[in-house]
């Protein structure tokens, strides 16, 4: 009985070496283009598990390493539909603002539908980035040659932690200056100087939640009370126990 011998893919050694030399030059270049990444999942269940966000983030880091980009940050929207506009996706807005302010010139996402599921919104984002002198890189639309595939894991393993360390340093420096990272928690908003300030419409709601909880109300009872009082929740949705719990946890930090 003959075995089915499958032909293994081969790599042109000379081409691979040339590619590695080009990558080494890119990685050591002091003038690498600065980039920000954007990751998103649509459901709260996906956001809680974090797997999809983590996978997207790792792919963006790998691409930045292999393409010679200086990845300065990755913004995220967890549990938010891609059909929503910029104003309803804080992470997406922050990524676009980073391009508009000149903090980066490249926005990287794994797939086009991560940016937006609505064609008009996707087109608007691309136009805004182009006007700011930037460009969009969608990884699913980027072709890869056999040399890239052959050395992807090797280079990523060698450089991924270095990139992550630089990102942590960048984030720590911003936090040390009082600059907020990510969307503002409920009850606050991001001011013109990128620091948190009380939201005039939401801050009283925090006090109301605290008072209800102090009186012995359950998380569900608090949510029902806020709905009954006509207090709007972010995103235009009603209140629920999980939302109230998350607000309590943020206040307890």
Protein backbone atom coordinates (compact mmCIF):
# COMPACT_ATOMS: atom_id res chain seq x y z
CA UNK A 1 0.00 0.00 0.00
CA UNK A 2 1.52 3.25 -1.13
CA UNK A 3 1.52 6.25 1.14
CA UNK A 4 0.20 9.54 -0.11
CA UNK A 5 3.30 11.70 -0.16
CA UNK A 6 2.31 15.34 -0.03
CA UNK A 7 4.77 17.83 -1.36
CA UNK A 8 5.96 20.17 1.36
CA UNK A 9 6.22 23.88 0.48
CA UNK A 10 9.75 25.07 -0.14
CA UNK A 11 11.31 28.46 0.40
CA UNK A 12 13.82 30.16 -1.83
CA UNK A 13 16.69 30.56 0.65
CA UNK A 14 18.26 33.49 -1.20
CA UNK A 15 14.93 35.35 -1.31
CA UNK A 16 14.31 34.66 2.37
CA UNK A 17 17.75 36.04 3.29
CA UNK A 18 17.14 39.19 1.24
CA UNK A 19 13.79 39.61 2.97
CA UNK A 20 15.36 39.19 6.41
CA UNK A 21 17.96 41.85 5.58
CA UNK A 22 15.23 44.26 4.48
CA UNK A 23 13.29 43.57 7.69
CA UNK A 24 16.39 44.08 9.85
CA UNK A 25 16.90 47.46 8.19
CA UNK A 26 13.27 48.41 8.79
CA UNK A 27 13.34 47.35 12.43
CA UNK A 28 16.49 49.38 13.13
CA UNK A 29 15.34 52.48 11.25
CA UNK A 30 14.90 55.53 13.52
CA UNK A 31 12.25 57.03 11.22
CA UNK A 32 9.62 54.28 11.17
CA UNK A 33 6.05 55.45 10.39
CA UNK A 34 3.94 55.66 13.53
CA UNK A 35 0.77 53.59 13.59
CA UNK A 36 -2.25 52.91 15.78
CA UNK A 37 -4.33 49.77 15.72
CA UNK A 38 -8.08 49.34 16.10
CA UNK A 39 -9.83 46.18 17.35
CA UNK A 40 -13.53 45.53 17.88
CA UNK A 41 -16.00 42.81 18.79
CA UNK A 42 -19.76 43.15 18.46
CA UNK A 43 -21.10 41.21 21.45
CA UNK A 44 -20.58 41.51 25.17
CA UNK A 45 -19.93 37.75 25.33
CA UNK A 46 -17.00 38.09 22.92
CA UNK A 47 -15.72 41.08 24.88
CA UNK A 48 -15.83 39.20 28.19
CA UNK A 49 -13.90 36.25 26.75
CA UNK A 50 -11.41 38.64 25.17
CA UNK A 51 -10.17 36.02 22.72
CA UNK A 52 -11.23 37.77 19.58
CA UNK A 53 -9.81 41.09 20.76
CA UNK A 54 -6.55 39.43 21.75
CA UNK A 55 -6.23 37.68 18.39
CA UNK A 56 -6.85 40.90 16.50
CA UNK A 57 -4.36 42.77 18.68
CA UNK A 58 -1.65 40.12 18.15
CA UNK A 59 -2.12 40.18 14.37
CA UNK A 60 -1.75 43.96 14.37
CA UNK A 61 1.42 43.75 16.48
CA UNK A 62 2.87 41.14 14.13
CA UNK A 63 2.09 43.25 11.07
CA UNK A 64 3.68 46.31 12.65
CA UNK A 65 6.86 44.36 13.36
CA UNK A 66 7.02 42.80 9.89
CA UNK A 67 6.19 46.06 8.09
CA UNK A 68 8.54 48.33 10.02
CA UNK A 69 5.79 50.37 11.70
CA UNK A 70 6.17 52.03 15.10
CA UNK A 71 2.96 50.87 16.80
CA UNK A 72 2.21 53.46 19.47
CA UNK A 73 -1.18 52.22 20.62
CA UNK A 74 -4.15 49.92 19.98
CA UNK A 75 -7.65 51.24 20.62
CA UNK A 76 -10.63 48.96 21.17
CA UNK A 77 -14.41 48.86 21.25
CA UNK A 78 -15.64 45.84 23.18
CA UNK A 79 -19.23 44.74 22.63
CA UNK A 80 -20.09 47.53 20.18
CA UNK A 81 -21.60 46.96 16.74
CA UNK A 82 -19.65 48.04 13.68
CA UNK A 83 -22.87 49.51 12.30
CA UNK A 84 -22.60 52.36 14.81
CA UNK A 85 -21.00 55.65 13.86
CA UNK A 86 -17.86 57.32 15.16
CA UNK A 87 -19.68 59.14 17.97
CA UNK A 88 -21.01 55.85 19.38
CA UNK A 89 -17.65 54.02 19.30
CA UNK A 90 -15.18 55.71 21.69
CA UNK A 91 -12.25 53.51 20.69
CA UNK A 92 -12.80 54.14 16.99
CA UNK A 93 -13.10 57.88 17.59
CA UNK A 94 -9.89 57.87 19.64
CA UNK A 95 -8.04 56.04 16.84
CA UNK A 96 -9.25 58.57 14.26
CA UNK A 97 -8.36 61.46 16.57
CA UNK A 98 -4.82 60.10 16.91
CA UNK A 99 -4.48 60.30 13.11
CA UNK A 100 -6.09 63.75 12.97
CA UNK A 101 -3.72 65.10 15.62
CA UNK A 102 -0.70 63.71 13.79
CA UNK A 103 0.21 61.24 16.56
CA UNK A 104 0.26 58.50 13.91
CA UNK A 105 -0.03 58.27 10.14
CA UNK A 106 -1.30 54.69 9.76
CA UNK A 107 -4.45 53.02 11.10
CA UNK A 108 -4.27 49.21 11.12
CA UNK A 109 -7.24 46.83 11.44
CA UNK A 110 -7.47 43.10 10.79
CA UNK A 111 -10.59 43.22 8.59
CA UNK A 112 -12.68 45.88 6.85
CA UNK A 113 -15.75 45.01 8.94
CA UNK A 114 -13.78 45.68 12.12
CA UNK A 115 -13.58 49.32 10.99
CA UNK A 116 -17.25 49.54 10.05
CA UNK A 117 -20.07 47.37 8.76
CA UNK A 118 -21.75 50.37 7.19
CA UNK A 119 -20.24 51.32 3.80
CA UNK A 120 -20.86 55.04 4.33
CA UNK A 121 -19.20 55.01 7.75
CA UNK A 122 -16.21 53.07 6.40
CA UNK A 123 -15.88 55.51 3.52
CA UNK A 124 -16.11 58.48 5.88
CA UNK A 125 -13.32 57.06 8.05
CA UNK A 126 -11.04 56.48 5.08
CA UNK A 127 -11.66 59.99 3.76
CA UNK A 128 -10.99 61.54 7.19
CA UNK A 129 -7.71 59.64 7.52
CA UNK A 130 -6.64 60.54 3.99
CA UNK A 131 -7.39 64.22 4.62
CA UNK A 132 -5.18 64.06 7.71
CA UNK A 133 -2.34 62.70 5.60
CA UNK A 134 -2.69 59.14 6.85
CA UNK A 135 -3.62 55.78 5.39
CA UNK A 136 -5.59 52.68 6.35
CA UNK A 137 -4.10 49.18 6.34
CA UNK A 138 -6.58 46.27 6.42
CA UNK A 139 -4.64 43.06 7.03
CA UNK A 140 -7.10 40.80 5.20
CA UNK A 141 -6.51 42.91 2.09
CA UNK A 142 -2.70 42.75 2.27
CA UNK A 143 -1.09 40.04 0.10
CA UNK A 144 1.75 37.99 1.57
CA UNK A 145 4.51 36.24 -0.37
CA UNK A 146 6.03 32.92 0.63
CA UNK A 147 9.03 34.66 2.20
CA UNK A 148 6.76 36.58 4.57
CA UNK A 149 4.96 33.41 5.59
CA UNK A 150 8.27 31.61 6.17
CA UNK A 151 9.72 34.18 8.55
CA UNK A 152 6.52 35.55 10.16
CA UNK A 153 6.63 33.53 13.36
CA UNK A 154 10.38 33.87 13.79
CA UNK A 155 10.39 37.65 13.58
CA UNK A 156 7.20 38.01 15.58
CA UNK A 157 8.56 35.92 18.46
CA UNK A 158 11.80 37.92 18.51
CA UNK A 159 10.19 41.36 18.38
CA UNK A 160 6.67 41.08 19.81
CA UNK A 161 7.67 41.55 23.43
CA UNK A 162 9.90 44.48 22.47
CA UNK A 163 6.96 46.21 20.78
CA UNK A 164 4.65 45.50 23.70
CA UNK A 165 7.22 46.88 26.15
CA UNK A 166 7.45 50.07 24.11
CA UNK A 167 3.66 50.37 24.05
CA UNK A 168 3.52 49.91 27.84
CA UNK A 169 6.12 52.65 28.24
CA UNK A 170 4.16 54.94 25.93
CA UNK A 171 0.91 54.27 27.82
CA UNK A 172 2.59 54.78 31.21
CA UNK A 173 4.02 58.10 30.04
CA UNK A 174 0.58 59.30 28.95
CA UNK A 175 -1.01 58.16 32.22
CA UNK A 176 1.75 59.89 34.21
CA UNK A 177 0.77 63.12 32.48
CA UNK A 178 -2.85 62.54 33.45
CA UNK A 179 -3.88 61.71 29.87
CA UNK A 180 -6.67 59.14 29.83
CA UNK A 181 -6.37 55.97 27.78
CA UNK A 182 -9.47 54.54 26.12
CA UNK A 183 -13.11 55.59 26.47
CA UNK A 184 -14.20 57.65 29.47
CA UNK A 185 -16.00 55.66 32.19
CA UNK A 186 -19.64 56.46 32.92
CA UNK A 187 -19.96 59.73 34.85
CA UNK A 188 -16.94 61.29 33.16
CA UNK A 189 -15.86 62.63 29.80
CA UNK A 190 -12.50 63.34 28.20
CA UNK A 191 -11.71 67.05 28.24
CA UNK A 192 -9.88 69.07 25.59
CA UNK A 193 -6.54 68.29 27.29
CA UNK A 194 -7.31 64.51 27.20
CA UNK A 195 -7.81 64.32 30.99
CA UNK A 196 -10.97 63.04 32.67
CA UNK A 197 -13.55 65.51 33.89
CA UNK A 198 -16.99 65.00 35.41
CA UNK A 199 -19.82 64.66 32.92
CA UNK A 200 -22.48 67.19 34.01
CA UNK A 201 -25.36 64.92 32.93
CA UNK A 202 -23.95 61.60 34.18
CA UNK A 203 -22.18 62.51 37.44
CA UNK A 204 -25.50 62.89 39.34
CA UNK A 205 -26.48 59.39 38.18
CA UNK A 206 -23.42 57.97 39.95
CA UNK A 207 -24.62 59.57 43.18
CA UNK A 208 -28.10 58.15 42.58
CA UNK A 209 -26.70 54.63 42.07
CA UNK A 210 -24.60 54.92 45.23
CA UNK A 211 -27.64 56.07 47.24
CA UNK A 212 -29.82 53.22 45.98
CA UNK A 213 -27.15 50.63 46.73
CA UNK A 214 -26.59 52.11 50.20
CA UNK A 215 -30.32 51.69 50.87
CA UNK A 216 -30.00 47.97 50.11
CA UNK A 217 -31.26 47.91 46.50
CA UNK A 218 -29.97 45.04 44.38
CA UNK A 219 -28.18 45.67 41.10
CA UNK A 220 -31.31 44.70 39.20
CA UNK A 221 -33.48 46.96 41.36
CA UNK A 222 -31.12 49.88 40.69
CA UNK A 223 -31.34 49.27 36.95
CA UNK A 224 -35.15 49.10 37.09
CA UNK A 225 -35.29 52.31 39.13
CA UNK A 226 -33.12 54.20 36.65
CA UNK A 227 -35.26 53.00 33.76
CA UNK A 228 -38.43 54.01 35.61
CA UNK A 229 -36.99 57.46 36.26
CA UNK A 230 -36.17 57.87 32.58
CA UNK A 231 -32.42 58.11 33.12
CA UNK A 232 -30.72 57.45 29.75
CA UNK A 233 -27.92 54.92 29.61
CA UNK A 234 -25.03 55.27 27.19
CA UNK A 235 -25.70 53.96 23.73
CA UNK A 236 -29.43 54.61 24.04
CA UNK A 237 -30.11 51.22 25.63
CA UNK A 238 -31.89 50.50 28.88
CA UNK A 239 -30.16 49.78 32.19
CA UNK A 240 -29.35 46.28 33.41
CA UNK A 241 -27.64 44.71 36.41
CA UNK A 242 -24.37 44.12 34.55
CA UNK A 243 -24.10 47.78 33.54
CA UNK A 244 -24.65 48.92 37.11
CA UNK A 245 -22.11 46.36 38.38
CA UNK A 246 -19.45 47.60 35.94
CA UNK A 247 -19.99 51.19 37.07
CA UNK A 248 -19.60 50.13 40.70
CA UNK A 249 -16.39 48.24 39.95
CA UNK A 250 -14.88 51.25 38.13
CA UNK A 251 -15.70 53.52 41.09
CA UNK A 252 -14.09 51.03 43.45
CA UNK A 253 -10.74 51.11 41.64
